[in-house]
Amino acid sequence: MSRTYLKFKSTNREDEEQTILRILKENKYKKREKNGEEFYQHGAGIVTSPQLIKYTFENDTIILESWVRDFGFLGESSLEGSSQIFAKKSAKGALKRIQEGLGLEIIEQGTK
């Protein structure tokens, strides 16, 4: 399991959550739940791998996670690397739109 993450300092949780949800909806991400974890999914894996985004608030921090589901739905891949390039590019674009919509600087980013 590998996910790309971005962290931002939250300044107004309610407004930030509404911004995230609006952008996810505009980009046709649908709310899903699996094994008690809520996330948003774009695509069903027919043409390209599903792209997934999850957001959480921890104290004064917004954490955005994104990954693509491996073909066959056997695992997850971060947005790094060249496999599944089209799905990863799409997910990166959605993360960028969320970041721009929030208007906040990234305080930490990486892969976990």
PDB file of N, CA and C in Angstrom:
ATOM      1  N   MET A   1       0.848  -1.178   0.000  1.00  0.00           N
ATOM      2  CA  MET A   1       0.000   0.000   0.000  1.00  0.00           C
ATOM      3  C   MET A   1       0.889   1.234   0.000  1.00  0.00           C
ATOM      4  N   SER A   2       0.647   2.127  -0.924  1.00  0.00           N
ATOM      5  CA  SER A   2       1.447   3.337  -1.032  1.00  0.00           C
ATOM      6  C   SER A   2       0.552   4.478  -1.497  1.00  0.00           C
ATOM      7  N   ARG A   3       0.619   5.584  -0.783  1.00  0.00           N
ATOM      8  CA  ARG A   3      -0.210   6.743  -1.112  1.00  0.00           C
ATOM      9  C   ARG A   3       0.628   8.010  -1.121  1.00  0.00           C
ATOM     10  N   THR A   4       0.266   8.917  -2.001  1.00  0.00           N
ATOM     11  CA  THR A   4       0.857  10.247  -2.024  1.00  0.00           C
ATOM     12  C   THR A   4       0.046  11.107  -1.063  1.00  0.00           C
ATOM     13  N   TYR A   5       0.723  11.944  -0.267  1.00  0.00           N
ATOM     14  CA  TYR A   5      -0.022  12.810   0.646  1.00  0.00           C
ATOM     15  C   TYR A   5       0.497  14.242   0.591  1.00  0.00           C
ATOM     16  N   LEU A   6      -0.405  15.159   0.895  1.00  0.00           N
ATOM     17  CA  LEU A   6      -0.107  16.580   1.041  1.00  0.00           C
ATOM     18  C   LEU A   6      -0.710  17.032   2.360  1.00  0.00           C
ATOM     19  N   LYS A   7       0.007  17.888   3.093  1.00  0.00           N
ATOM     20  CA  LYS A   7      -0.520  18.450   4.336  1.00  0.00           C
ATOM     21  C   LYS A   7      -0.524  19.968   4.233  1.00  0.00           C
ATOM     22  N   PHE A   8      -1.589  20.554   4.766  1.00  0.00           N
ATOM     23  CA  PHE A   8      -1.772  22.000   4.776  1.00  0.00           C
ATOM     24  C   PHE A   8      -2.168  22.429   6.183  1.00  0.00           C
ATOM     25  N   LYS A   9      -1.843  23.655   6.565  1.00  0.00           N
ATOM     26  CA  LYS A   9      -2.312  24.200   7.831  1.00  0.00           C
ATOM     27  C   LYS A   9      -3.733  24.705   7.620  1.00  0.00           C
ATOM     28  N   SER A  10      -4.659  24.176   8.399  1.00  0.00           N
ATOM     29  CA  SER A  10      -6.067  24.550   8.293  1.00  0.00           C
ATOM     30  C   SER A  10      -6.305  25.891   8.979  1.00  0.00           C
ATOM     31  N   THR A  11      -7.058  26.749   8.300  1.00  0.00           N
ATOM     32  CA  THR A  11      -7.399  28.046   8.882  1.00  0.00           C
ATOM     33  C   THR A  11      -8.901  28.205   9.105  1.00  0.00           C
ATOM     34  N   ASN A  12      -9.708  27.447   8.367  1.00  0.00           N
ATOM     35  CA  ASN A  12     -11.158  27.502   8.510  1.00  0.00           C
ATOM     36  C   ASN A  12     -11.724  26.170   8.019  1.00  0.00           C
ATOM     37  N   ARG A  13     -11.831  25.224   8.914  1.00  0.00           N
ATOM     38  CA  ARG A  13     -12.186  23.847   8.551  1.00  0.00           C
ATOM     39  C   ARG A  13     -13.464  23.755   7.726  1.00  0.00           C
ATOM     40  N   GLU A  14     -14.499  24.458   8.138  1.00  0.00           N
ATOM     41  CA  GLU A  14     -15.786  24.363   7.441  1.00  0.00           C
ATOM     42  C   GLU A  14     -15.664  24.817   5.984  1.00  0.00           C
ATOM     43  N   ASP A  15     -15.055  25.979   5.769  1.00  0.00           N
ATOM     44  CA  ASP A  15     -14.878  26.478   4.399  1.00  0.00           C
ATOM     45  C   ASP A  15     -13.971  25.566   3.583  1.00  0.00           C
ATOM     46  N   GLU A  16     -12.906  25.084   4.207  1.00  0.00           N
ATOM     47  CA  GLU A  16     -11.959  24.217   3.494  1.00  0.00           C
ATOM     48  C   GLU A  16     -12.608  22.897   3.094  1.00  0.00           C
ATOM     49  N   GLU A  17     -13.414  22.343   3.986  1.00  0.00           N
ATOM     50  CA  GLU A  17     -14.098  21.095   3.649  1.00  0.00           C
ATOM     51  C   GLU A  17     -15.077  21.304   2.498  1.00  0.00           C
ATOM     52  N   GLN A  18     -15.808  22.411   2.512  1.00  0.00           N
ATOM     53  CA  GLN A  18     -16.735  22.709   1.419  1.00  0.00           C
ATOM     54  C   GLN A  18     -15.990  22.880   0.092  1.00  0.00           C
ATOM     55  N   THR A  19     -14.833  23.519   0.138  1.00  0.00           N
ATOM     56  CA  THR A  19     -14.020  23.686  -1.074  1.00  0.00           C
ATOM     57  C   THR A  19     -13.569  22.338  -1.614  1.00  0.00           C
ATOM     58  N   ILE A  20     -13.068  21.477  -0.737  1.00  0.00           N
ATOM     59  CA  ILE A  20     -12.614  20.143  -1.153  1.00  0.00           C
ATOM     60  C   ILE A  20     -13.768  19.369  -1.774  1.00  0.00           C
ATOM     61  N   LEU A  21     -14.912  19.346  -1.112  1.00  0.00           N
ATOM     62  CA  LEU A  21     -16.068  18.595  -1.616  1.00  0.00           C
ATOM     63  C   LEU A  21     -16.556  19.140  -2.956  1.00  0.00           C
ATOM     64  N   ARG A  22     -16.549  20.458  -3.104  1.00  0.00           N
ATOM     65  CA  ARG A  22     -16.976  21.071  -4.372  1.00  0.00           C
ATOM     66  C   ARG A  22     -16.057  20.640  -5.518  1.00  0.00           C
ATOM     67  N   ILE A  23     -14.769  20.686  -5.278  1.00  0.00           N
ATOM     68  CA  ILE A  23     -13.810  20.322  -6.331  1.00  0.00           C
ATOM     69  C   ILE A  23     -13.894  18.832  -6.646  1.00  0.00           C
ATOM     70  N   LEU A  24     -14.053  17.997  -5.638  1.00  0.00           N
ATOM     71  CA  LEU A  24     -14.218  16.561  -5.896  1.00  0.00           C
ATOM     72  C   LEU A  24     -15.457  16.313  -6.753  1.00  0.00           C
ATOM     73  N   LYS A  25     -16.546  17.000  -6.432  1.00  0.00           N
ATOM     74  CA  LYS A  25     -17.776  16.838  -7.211  1.00  0.00           C
ATOM     75  C   LYS A  25     -17.585  17.325  -8.646  1.00  0.00           C
ATOM     76  N   GLU A  26     -16.957  18.489  -8.815  1.00  0.00           N
ATOM     77  CA  GLU A  26     -16.706  19.029 -10.159  1.00  0.00           C
ATOM     78  C   GLU A  26     -15.862  18.074 -11.007  1.00  0.00           C
ATOM     79  N   ASN A  27     -15.007  17.313 -10.349  1.00  0.00           N
ATOM     80  CA  ASN A  27     -14.125  16.377 -11.046  1.00  0.00           C
ATOM     81  C   ASN A  27     -14.681  14.957 -11.067  1.00  0.00           C
ATOM     82  N   LYS A  28     -15.966  14.835 -10.734  1.00  0.00           N
ATOM     83  CA  LYS A  28     -16.699  13.565 -10.823  1.00  0.00           C
ATOM     84  C   LYS A  28     -16.161  12.459  -9.910  1.00  0.00           C
ATOM     85  N   TYR A  29     -15.679  12.857  -8.739  1.00  0.00           N
ATOM     86  CA  TYR A  29     -15.297  11.881  -7.724  1.00  0.00           C
ATOM     87  C   TYR A  29     -16.546  11.536  -6.917  1.00  0.00           C
ATOM     88  N   LYS A  30     -16.748  10.268  -6.662  1.00  0.00           N
ATOM     89  CA  LYS A  30     -17.915   9.780  -5.916  1.00  0.00           C
ATOM     90  C   LYS A  30     -17.460   9.227  -4.570  1.00  0.00           C
ATOM     91  N   LYS A  31     -18.260   9.499  -3.549  1.00  0.00           N
ATOM     92  CA  LYS A  31     -17.933   9.023  -2.207  1.00  0.00           C
ATOM     93  C   LYS A  31     -18.087   7.510  -2.147  1.00  0.00           C
ATOM     94  N   ARG A  32     -17.093   6.859  -1.568  1.00  0.00           N
ATOM     95  CA  ARG A  32     -17.089   5.408  -1.406  1.00  0.00           C
ATOM     96  C   ARG A  32     -16.626   5.077   0.009  1.00  0.00           C
ATOM     97  N   GLU A  33     -16.858   3.829   0.394  1.00  0.00           N
ATOM     98  CA  GLU A  33     -16.398   3.339   1.692  1.00  0.00           C
ATOM     99  C   GLU A  33     -15.979   1.891   1.523  1.00  0.00           C
ATOM    100  N   LYS A  34     -14.840   1.561   2.101  1.00  0.00           N
ATOM    101  CA  LYS A  34     -14.365   0.184   2.070  1.00  0.00           C
ATOM    102  C   LYS A  34     -13.643  -0.099   3.378  1.00  0.00           C
ATOM    103  N   ASN A  35     -14.042  -1.162   4.034  1.00  0.00           N
ATOM    104  CA  ASN A  35     -13.425  -1.560   5.306  1.00  0.00           C
ATOM    105  C   ASN A  35     -13.411  -0.418   6.318  1.00  0.00           C
ATOM    106  N   GLY A  36     -14.482   0.367   6.353  1.00  0.00           N
ATOM    107  CA  GLY A  36     -14.607   1.461   7.306  1.00  0.00           C
ATOM    108  C   GLY A  36     -13.868   2.735   6.929  1.00  0.00           C
ATOM    109  N   GLU A  37     -13.219   2.765   5.784  1.00  0.00           N
ATOM    110  CA  GLU A  37     -12.483   3.949   5.341  1.00  0.00           C
ATOM    111  C   GLU A  37     -13.288   4.668   4.258  1.00  0.00           C
ATOM    112  N   GLU A  38     -13.541   5.956   4.460  1.00  0.00           N
ATOM    113  CA  GLU A  38     -14.238   6.760   3.462  1.00  0.00           C
ATOM    114  C   GLU A  38     -13.225   7.453   2.561  1.00  0.00           C
ATOM    115  N   PHE A  39     -13.526   7.487   1.266  1.00  0.00           N
ATOM    116  CA  PHE A  39     -12.674   8.133   0.280  1.00  0.00           C
ATOM    117  C   PHE A  39     -13.535   8.497  -0.910  1.00  0.00           C
ATOM    118  N   TYR A  40     -12.937   9.172  -1.881  1.00  0.00           N
ATOM    119  CA  TYR A  40     -13.644   9.578  -3.093  1.00  0.00           C
ATOM    120  C   TYR A  40     -12.943   8.940  -4.279  1.00  0.00           C
ATOM    121  N   GLN A  41     -13.750   8.384  -5.190  1.00  0.00           N
ATOM    122  CA  GLN A  41     -13.210   7.625  -6.314  1.00  0.00           C
ATOM    123  C   GLN A  41     -13.676   8.204  -7.637  1.00  0.00           C
ATOM    124  N   HIS A  42     -12.742   8.274  -8.573  1.00  0.00           N
ATOM    125  CA  HIS A  42     -13.037   8.680  -9.950  1.00  0.00           C
ATOM    126  C   HIS A  42     -12.704   7.502 -10.847  1.00  0.00           C
ATOM    127  N   GLY A  43     -13.668   7.081 -11.621  1.00  0.00           N
ATOM    128  CA  GLY A  43     -13.453   5.965 -12.541  1.00  0.00           C
ATOM    129  C   GLY A  43     -13.742   4.623 -11.894  1.00  0.00           C
ATOM    130  N   ALA A  44     -14.070   3.669 -12.757  1.00  0.00           N
ATOM    131  CA  ALA A  44     -14.429   2.333 -12.275  1.00  0.00           C
ATOM    132  C   ALA A  44     -13.399   1.277 -12.635  1.00  0.00           C
ATOM    133  N   GLY A  45     -12.327   1.686 -13.295  1.00  0.00           N
ATOM    134  CA  GLY A  45     -11.286   0.734 -13.640  1.00  0.00           C
ATOM    135  C   GLY A  45     -11.495   0.022 -14.956  1.00  0.00           C
ATOM    136  N   ILE A  46     -12.441   0.503 -15.756  1.00  0.00           N
ATOM    137  CA  ILE A  46     -12.704  -0.140 -17.041  1.00  0.00           C
ATOM    138  C   ILE A  46     -11.670   0.310 -18.073  1.00  0.00           C
ATOM    139  N   VAL A  47     -11.455   1.620 -18.186  1.00  0.00           N
ATOM    140  CA  VAL A  47     -10.498   2.155 -19.153  1.00  0.00           C
ATOM    141  C   VAL A  47      -9.139   2.408 -18.496  1.00  0.00           C
ATOM    142  N   THR A  48      -9.149   3.049 -17.341  1.00  0.00           N
ATOM    143  CA  THR A  48      -7.927   3.280 -16.564  1.00  0.00           C
ATOM    144  C   THR A  48      -8.195   2.883 -15.121  1.00  0.00           C
ATOM    145  N   SER A  49      -7.152   2.802 -14.340  1.00  0.00           N
ATOM    146  CA  SER A  49      -7.294   2.455 -12.924  1.00  0.00           C
ATOM    147  C   SER A  49      -8.089   3.532 -12.195  1.00  0.00           C
ATOM    148  N   PRO A  50      -8.894   3.139 -11.206  1.00  0.00           N
ATOM    149  CA  PRO A  50      -9.603   4.131 -10.406  1.00  0.00           C
ATOM    150  C   PRO A  50      -8.620   5.050  -9.679  1.00  0.00           C
ATOM    151  N   GLN A  51      -8.976   6.337  -9.614  1.00  0.00           N
ATOM    152  CA  GLN A  51      -8.181   7.317  -8.882  1.00  0.00           C
ATOM    153  C   GLN A  51      -8.924   7.637  -7.598  1.00  0.00           C
ATOM    154  N   LEU A  52      -8.200   7.669  -6.490  1.00  0.00           N
ATOM    155  CA  LEU A  52      -8.829   7.840  -5.193  1.00  0.00           C
ATOM    156  C   LEU A  52      -8.208   8.998  -4.429  1.00  0.00           C
ATOM    157  N   ILE A  53      -9.060   9.713  -3.708  1.00  0.00           N
ATOM    158  CA  ILE A  53      -8.622  10.818  -2.862  1.00  0.00           C
ATOM    159  C   ILE A  53      -9.354  10.709  -1.534  1.00  0.00           C
ATOM    160  N   LYS A  54      -8.606  10.914  -0.476  1.00  0.00           N
ATOM    161  CA  LYS A  54      -9.172  10.926   0.875  1.00  0.00           C
ATOM    162  C   LYS A  54      -8.679  12.202   1.552  1.00  0.00           C
ATOM    163  N   TYR A  55      -9.551  12.837   2.327  1.00  0.00           N
ATOM    164  CA  TYR A  55      -9.110  13.988   3.105  1.00  0.00           C
ATOM    165  C   TYR A  55      -9.492  13.784   4.556  1.00  0.00           C
ATOM    166  N   THR A  56      -8.637  14.246   5.441  1.00  0.00           N
ATOM    167  CA  THR A  56      -8.911  14.195   6.875  1.00  0.00           C
ATOM    168  C   THR A  56      -8.392  15.488   7.503  1.00  0.00           C
ATOM    169  N   PHE A  57      -8.943  15.804   8.651  1.00  0.00           N
ATOM    170  CA  PHE A  57      -8.469  16.926   9.451  1.00  0.00           C
ATOM    171  C   PHE A  57      -7.913  16.353  10.746  1.00  0.00           C
ATOM    172  N   GLU A  58      -6.683  16.708  11.069  1.00  0.00           N
ATOM    173  CA  GLU A  58      -6.071  16.335  12.342  1.00  0.00           C
ATOM    174  C   GLU A  58      -5.625  17.620  13.013  1.00  0.00           C
ATOM    175  N   ASN A  59      -6.313  17.978  14.088  1.00  0.00           N
ATOM    176  CA  ASN A  59      -6.065  19.237  14.779  1.00  0.00           C
ATOM    177  C   ASN A  59      -6.161  20.382  13.775  1.00  0.00           C
ATOM    178  N   ASP A  60      -5.073  21.117  13.535  1.00  0.00           N
ATOM    179  CA  ASP A  60      -5.128  22.247  12.598  1.00  0.00           C
ATOM    180  C   ASP A  60      -4.465  21.908  11.263  1.00  0.00           C
ATOM    181  N   THR A  61      -4.497  20.632  10.894  1.00  0.00           N
ATOM    182  CA  THR A  61      -3.864  20.180   9.656  1.00  0.00           C
ATOM    183  C   THR A  61      -4.868  19.464   8.760  1.00  0.00           C
ATOM    184  N   ILE A  62      -4.842  19.792   7.467  1.00  0.00           N
ATOM    185  CA  ILE A  62      -5.613  19.067   6.454  1.00  0.00           C
ATOM    186  C   ILE A  62      -4.654  18.071   5.816  1.00  0.00           C
ATOM    187  N   ILE A  63      -5.072  16.828   5.733  1.00  0.00           N
ATOM    188  CA  ILE A  63      -4.264  15.806   5.077  1.00  0.00           C
ATOM    189  C   ILE A  63      -5.034  15.296   3.868  1.00  0.00           C
ATOM    190  N   LEU A  64      -4.448  15.470   2.696  1.00  0.00           N
ATOM    191  CA  LEU A  64      -5.002  14.920   1.455  1.00  0.00           C
ATOM    192  C   LEU A  64      -4.150  13.723   1.065  1.00  0.00           C
ATOM    193  N   GLU A  65      -4.796  12.596   0.810  1.00  0.00           N
ATOM    194  CA  GLU A  65      -4.096  11.410   0.333  1.00  0.00           C
ATOM    195  C   GLU A  65      -4.663  11.055  -1.034  1.00  0.00           C
ATOM    196  N   SER A  66      -3.815  10.582  -1.913  1.00  0.00           N
ATOM    197  CA  SER A  66      -4.282  10.156  -3.225  1.00  0.00           C
ATOM    198  C   SER A  66      -3.484   8.950  -3.685  1.00  0.00           C
ATOM    199  N   TRP A  67      -4.156   8.073  -4.410  1.00  0.00           N
ATOM    200  CA  TRP A  67      -3.538   6.861  -4.920  1.00  0.00           C
ATOM    201  C   TRP A  67      -4.370   6.332  -6.071  1.00  0.00           C
ATOM    202  N   VAL A  68      -3.821   5.405  -6.799  1.00  0.00           N
ATOM    203  CA  VAL A  68      -4.576   4.701  -7.829  1.00  0.00           C
ATOM    204  C   VAL A  68      -4.623   3.238  -7.434  1.00  0.00           C
ATOM    205  N   ARG A  69      -5.711   2.616  -7.805  1.00  0.00           N
ATOM    206  CA  ARG A  69      -5.858   1.203  -7.525  1.00  0.00           C
ATOM    207  C   ARG A  69      -5.147   0.422  -8.620  1.00  0.00           C
ATOM    208  N   ASP A  70      -4.366  -0.547  -8.211  1.00  0.00           N
ATOM    209  CA  ASP A  70      -3.681  -1.394  -9.186  1.00  0.00           C
ATOM    210  C   ASP A  70      -4.707  -2.200  -9.957  1.00  0.00           C
ATOM    211  N   PHE A  71      -4.377  -2.518 -11.206  1.00  0.00           N
ATOM    212  CA  PHE A  71      -5.276  -3.339 -12.007  1.00  0.00           C
ATOM    213  C   PHE A  71      -5.560  -4.637 -11.272  1.00  0.00           C
ATOM    214  N   GLY A  72      -6.792  -5.083 -11.340  1.00  0.00           N
ATOM    215  CA  GLY A  72      -7.213  -6.267 -10.608  1.00  0.00           C
ATOM    216  C   GLY A  72      -7.607  -5.944  -9.179  1.00  0.00           C
ATOM    217  N   PHE A  73      -7.488  -4.648  -8.793  1.00  0.00           N
ATOM    218  CA  PHE A  73      -7.869  -4.178  -7.463  1.00  0.00           C
ATOM    219  C   PHE A  73      -7.153  -4.930  -6.351  1.00  0.00           C
ATOM    220  N   LEU A  74      -5.908  -5.305  -6.604  1.00  0.00           N
ATOM    221  CA  LEU A  74      -5.149  -6.057  -5.621  1.00  0.00           C
ATOM    222  C   LEU A  74      -4.338  -5.177  -4.686  1.00  0.00           C
ATOM    223  N   GLY A  75      -4.146  -3.933  -5.020  1.00  0.00           N
ATOM    224  CA  GLY A  75      -3.333  -3.070  -4.178  1.00  0.00           C
ATOM    225  C   GLY A  75      -3.467  -1.616  -4.565  1.00  0.00           C
ATOM    226  N   GLU A  76      -2.571  -0.817  -4.007  1.00  0.00           N
ATOM    227  CA  GLU A  76      -2.578   0.619  -4.235  1.00  0.00           C
ATOM    228  C   GLU A  76      -1.207   1.070  -4.705  1.00  0.00           C
ATOM    229  N   SER A  77      -1.194   2.150  -5.476  1.00  0.00           N
ATOM    230  CA  SER A  77       0.058   2.772  -5.907  1.00  0.00           C
ATOM    231  C   SER A  77      -0.021   4.268  -5.657  1.00  0.00           C
ATOM    232  N   SER A  78       1.083   4.832  -5.173  1.00  0.00           N
ATOM    233  CA  SER A  78       1.149   6.286  -5.022  1.00  0.00           C
ATOM    234  C   SER A  78       1.121   6.917  -6.412  1.00  0.00           C
ATOM    235  N   LEU A  79       1.153   8.220  -6.459  1.00  0.00           N
ATOM    236  CA  LEU A  79       1.095   8.923  -7.738  1.00  0.00           C
ATOM    237  C   LEU A  79       2.471   9.098  -8.370  1.00  0.00           C
ATOM    238  N   GLU A  80       3.479   8.461  -7.809  1.00  0.00           N
ATOM    239  CA  GLU A  80       4.834   8.510  -8.354  1.00  0.00           C
ATOM    240  C   GLU A  80       5.040   7.336  -9.301  1.00  0.00           C
ATOM    241  N   GLY A  81       6.029   7.439 -10.152  1.00  0.00           N
ATOM    242  CA  GLY A  81       6.359   6.343 -11.054  1.00  0.00           C
ATOM    243  C   GLY A  81       5.632   6.440 -12.380  1.00  0.00           C
ATOM    244  N   SER A  82       6.016   5.557 -13.296  1.00  0.00           N
ATOM    245  CA  SER A  82       5.495   5.645 -14.660  1.00  0.00           C
ATOM    246  C   SER A  82       4.386   4.646 -14.973  1.00  0.00           C
ATOM    247  N   SER A  83       4.140   3.687 -14.099  1.00  0.00           N
ATOM    248  CA  SER A  83       3.029   2.771 -14.375  1.00  0.00           C
ATOM    249  C   SER A  83       1.712   3.509 -14.170  1.00  0.00           C
ATOM    250  N   GLN A  84       0.715   3.174 -14.928  1.00  0.00           N
ATOM    251  CA  GLN A  84      -0.622   3.772 -14.838  1.00  0.00           C
ATOM    252  C   GLN A  84      -0.556   5.299 -14.946  1.00  0.00           C
ATOM    253  N   ILE A  85       0.273   5.771 -15.849  1.00  0.00           N
ATOM    254  CA  ILE A  85       0.594   7.191 -15.972  1.00  0.00           C
ATOM    255  C   ILE A  85      -0.635   8.074 -16.187  1.00  0.00           C
ATOM    256  N   PHE A  86      -1.609   7.625 -16.978  1.00  0.00           N
ATOM    257  CA  PHE A  86      -2.781   8.461 -17.252  1.00  0.00           C
ATOM    258  C   PHE A  86      -3.652   8.622 -16.012  1.00  0.00           C
ATOM    259  N   ALA A  87      -3.846   7.550 -15.261  1.00  0.00           N
ATOM    260  CA  ALA A  87      -4.626   7.629 -14.026  1.00  0.00           C
ATOM    261  C   ALA A  87      -3.917   8.518 -13.008  1.00  0.00           C
ATOM    262  N   LYS A  88      -2.609   8.375 -12.900  1.00  0.00           N
ATOM    263  CA  LYS A  88      -1.845   9.172 -11.940  1.00  0.00           C
ATOM    264  C   LYS A  88      -1.860  10.651 -12.322  1.00  0.00           C
ATOM    265  N   LYS A  89      -1.751  10.934 -13.606  1.00  0.00           N
ATOM    266  CA  LYS A  89      -1.786  12.326 -14.067  1.00  0.00           C
ATOM    267  C   LYS A  89      -3.132  12.965 -13.736  1.00  0.00           C
ATOM    268  N   SER A  90      -4.206  12.224 -13.924  1.00  0.00           N
ATOM    269  CA  SER A  90      -5.543  12.722 -13.609  1.00  0.00           C
ATOM    270  C   SER A  90      -5.681  13.011 -12.113  1.00  0.00           C
ATOM    271  N   ALA A  91      -5.216  12.089 -11.273  1.00  0.00           N
ATOM    272  CA  ALA A  91      -5.302  12.277  -9.819  1.00  0.00           C
ATOM    273  C   ALA A  91      -4.443  13.456  -9.373  1.00  0.00           C
ATOM    274  N   LYS A  92      -3.249  13.603  -9.951  1.00  0.00           N
ATOM    275  CA  LYS A  92      -2.392  14.747  -9.616  1.00  0.00           C
ATOM    276  C   LYS A  92      -3.083  16.060  -9.975  1.00  0.00           C
ATOM    277  N   GLY A  93      -3.781  16.074 -11.104  1.00  0.00           N
ATOM    278  CA  GLY A  93      -4.508  17.273 -11.509  1.00  0.00           C
ATOM    279  C   GLY A  93      -5.594  17.637 -10.511  1.00  0.00           C
ATOM    280  N   ALA A  94      -6.309  16.638 -10.017  1.00  0.00           N
ATOM    281  CA  ALA A  94      -7.354  16.893  -9.021  1.00  0.00           C
ATOM    282  C   ALA A  94      -6.741  17.434  -7.730  1.00  0.00           C
ATOM    283  N   LEU A  95      -5.623  16.863  -7.295  1.00  0.00           N
ATOM    284  CA  LEU A  95      -4.950  17.373  -6.092  1.00  0.00           C
ATOM    285  C   LEU A  95      -4.519  18.824  -6.286  1.00  0.00           C
ATOM    286  N   LYS A  96      -4.000  19.138  -7.456  1.00  0.00           N
ATOM    287  CA  LYS A  96      -3.562  20.509  -7.745  1.00  0.00           C
ATOM    288  C   LYS A  96      -4.745  21.477  -7.705  1.00  0.00           C
ATOM    289  N   ARG A  97      -5.881  21.066  -8.259  1.00  0.00           N
ATOM    290  CA  ARG A  97      -7.072  21.923  -8.227  1.00  0.00           C
ATOM    291  C   ARG A  97      -7.548  22.135  -6.789  1.00  0.00           C
ATOM    292  N   ILE A  98      -7.468  21.098  -5.959  1.00  0.00           N
ATOM    293  CA  ILE A  98      -7.852  21.256  -4.552  1.00  0.00           C
ATOM    294  C   ILE A  98      -6.897  22.225  -3.865  1.00  0.00           C
ATOM    295  N   GLN A  99      -5.598  22.037  -4.066  1.00  0.00           N
ATOM    296  CA  GLN A  99      -4.606  22.931  -3.462  1.00  0.00           C
ATOM    297  C   GLN A  99      -4.860  24.376  -3.877  1.00  0.00           C
ATOM    298  N   GLU A 100      -5.074  24.602  -5.156  1.00  0.00           N
ATOM    299  CA  GLU A 100      -5.334  25.961  -5.644  1.00  0.00           C
ATOM    300  C   GLU A 100      -6.632  26.510  -5.077  1.00  0.00           C
ATOM    301  N   GLY A 101      -7.659  25.662  -4.975  1.00  0.00           N
ATOM    302  CA  GLY A 101      -8.933  26.095  -4.415  1.00  0.00           C
ATOM    303  C   GLY A 101      -8.828  26.478  -2.950  1.00  0.00           C
ATOM    304  N   LEU A 102      -8.006  25.750  -2.213  1.00  0.00           N
ATOM    305  CA  LEU A 102      -7.806  26.058  -0.798  1.00  0.00           C
ATOM    306  C   LEU A 102      -6.972  27.322  -0.620  1.00  0.00           C
ATOM    307  N   GLY A 103      -6.067  27.562  -1.551  1.00  0.00           N
ATOM    308  CA  GLY A 103      -5.196  28.729  -1.445  1.00  0.00           C
ATOM    309  C   GLY A 103      -4.216  28.631  -0.294  1.00  0.00           C
ATOM    310  N   LEU A 104      -3.851  27.420   0.089  1.00  0.00           N
ATOM    311  CA  LEU A 104      -2.945  27.198   1.212  1.00  0.00           C
ATOM    312  C   LEU A 104      -1.632  26.604   0.726  1.00  0.00           C
ATOM    313  N   GLU A 105      -0.562  26.924   1.450  1.00  0.00           N
ATOM    314  CA  GLU A 105       0.741  26.355   1.119  1.00  0.00           C
ATOM    315  C   GLU A 105       0.852  24.947   1.686  1.00  0.00           C
ATOM    316  N   ILE A 106       1.530  24.089   0.940  1.00  0.00           N
ATOM    317  CA  ILE A 106       1.808  22.740   1.425  1.00  0.00           C
ATOM    318  C   ILE A 106       2.863  22.846   2.522  1.00  0.00           C
ATOM    319  N   ILE A 107       2.604  22.222   3.677  1.00  0.00           N
ATOM    320  CA  ILE A 107       3.590  22.228   4.758  1.00  0.00           C
ATOM    321  C   ILE A 107       4.377  20.918   4.805  1.00  0.00           C
ATOM    322  N   GLU A 108       3.842  19.882   4.170  1.00  0.00           N
ATOM    323  CA  GLU A 108       4.554  18.606   4.089  1.00  0.00           C
ATOM    324  C   GLU A 108       3.949  17.804   2.948  1.00  0.00           C
ATOM    325  N   GLN A 109       4.791  17.047   2.271  1.00  0.00           N
ATOM    326  CA  GLN A 109       4.299  16.160   1.217  1.00  0.00           C
ATOM    327  C   GLN A 109       5.224  14.965   1.106  1.00  0.00           C
ATOM    328  N   GLY A 110       4.683  13.882   0.590  1.00  0.00           N
ATOM    329  CA  GLY A 110       5.504  12.693   0.426  1.00  0.00           C
ATOM    330  C   GLY A 110       4.666  11.489   0.056  1.00  0.00           C
ATOM    331  N   THR A 111       5.245  10.336   0.315  1.00  0.00           N
ATOM    332  CA  THR A 111       4.588   9.062   0.047  1.00  0.00           C
ATOM    333  C   THR A 111       4.633   8.248   1.320  1.00  0.00           C
ATOM    334  N   LYS A 112       3.529   7.605   1.617  1.00  0.00           N
ATOM    335  CA  LYS A 112       3.515   6.724   2.798  1.00  0.00           C
ATOM    336  C   LYS A 112       2.925   5.388   2.448  1.00  0.00           C
TER     337      LYS A 112
END
